[in-house]
């Protein structure tokens, strides 16, 4: 198993499930249901995330708000 780690951020359970099913054979998958949950995970975890997949339109914090300037 590859040790690469992916964080999936989406408020859609179905989207997270489909992406997990597709990727979990080759990657370690973490999930967050909101931008705030993702930030909490990233701040509290010792895990080094290699890739973040984020839903571009979520209710409170989305990719448009969260991207760096």
Protein backbone atom coordinates (compact mmCIF):
# COMPACT_ATOMS: atom_id res chain seq x y z
CA UNK A 1 0.00 0.00 0.00
CA UNK A 2 1.22 3.47 -0.88
CA UNK A 3 1.77 5.72 2.12
CA UNK A 4 0.53 8.84 0.32
CA UNK A 5 -2.26 10.54 2.25
CA UNK A 6 -5.27 12.34 0.78
CA UNK A 7 -7.74 14.56 2.62
CA UNK A 8 -11.17 14.75 0.99
CA UNK A 9 -13.22 17.79 2.00
CA UNK A 10 -16.86 17.78 0.92
CA UNK A 11 -20.23 18.29 2.55
CA UNK A 12 -21.62 15.54 0.30
CA UNK A 13 -21.45 12.09 1.87
CA UNK A 14 -21.97 10.51 -1.54
CA UNK A 15 -19.09 12.46 -3.11
CA UNK A 16 -16.75 11.46 -0.30
CA UNK A 17 -17.87 7.84 -0.55
CA UNK A 18 -17.32 7.66 -4.33
CA UNK A 19 -13.89 9.27 -4.12
CA UNK A 20 -12.90 7.01 -1.21
CA UNK A 21 -14.02 3.89 -3.11
CA UNK A 22 -11.93 4.93 -6.09
CA UNK A 23 -8.77 5.86 -4.18
CA UNK A 24 -8.59 3.83 -0.97
CA UNK A 25 -6.85 0.84 -2.56
CA UNK A 26 -3.75 2.93 -3.23
CA UNK A 27 -3.84 5.78 -0.72
CA UNK A 28 -4.59 6.51 2.92
CA UNK A 29 -7.80 8.54 2.89
CA UNK A 30 -9.01 11.06 5.46
CA UNK A 31 -12.34 12.85 5.22
CA UNK A 32 -13.81 16.10 6.46
CA UNK A 33 -17.39 17.24 5.93
CA UNK A 34 -16.59 20.96 6.06
CA UNK A 35 -13.75 23.41 5.73
CA UNK A 36 -13.79 23.99 9.47
CA UNK A 37 -13.58 20.23 10.17
CA UNK A 38 -10.65 20.01 7.76
CA UNK A 39 -8.82 22.85 9.49
CA UNK A 40 -9.44 21.21 12.88
CA UNK A 41 -8.05 17.93 11.54
CA UNK A 42 -4.99 19.58 10.00
CA UNK A 43 -4.22 21.57 13.17
CA UNK A 44 -4.71 18.64 15.55
CA UNK A 45 -3.16 15.82 13.52
CA UNK A 46 0.46 14.84 13.18
CA UNK A 47 -0.32 13.40 9.74
CA UNK A 48 1.40 14.90 6.72
CA UNK A 49 -1.18 15.25 3.93
CA UNK A 50 0.10 14.87 0.38
CA UNK A 51 -3.04 15.99 -1.46
CA UNK A 52 -6.25 17.81 -0.51
CA UNK A 53 -9.35 17.41 -2.65
CA UNK A 54 -11.91 20.08 -1.81
CA UNK A 55 -15.48 20.67 -2.92
CA UNK A 56 -15.54 24.07 -4.59
CA UNK A 57 -19.01 24.96 -3.26
CA UNK A 58 -19.74 24.23 0.39
CA UNK A 59 -22.05 26.25 2.62
CA UNK A 60 -19.66 27.82 5.15
CA UNK A 61 -16.12 27.59 3.81
CA UNK A 62 -15.36 26.53 0.27
CA UNK A 63 -12.36 26.46 -2.06
CA UNK A 64 -13.03 30.03 -3.18
CA UNK A 65 -12.91 31.37 0.38
CA UNK A 66 -10.14 29.06 1.62
CA UNK A 67 -7.56 29.54 -1.12
CA UNK A 68 -4.45 31.56 -0.47
CA UNK A 69 -4.22 35.01 -2.01
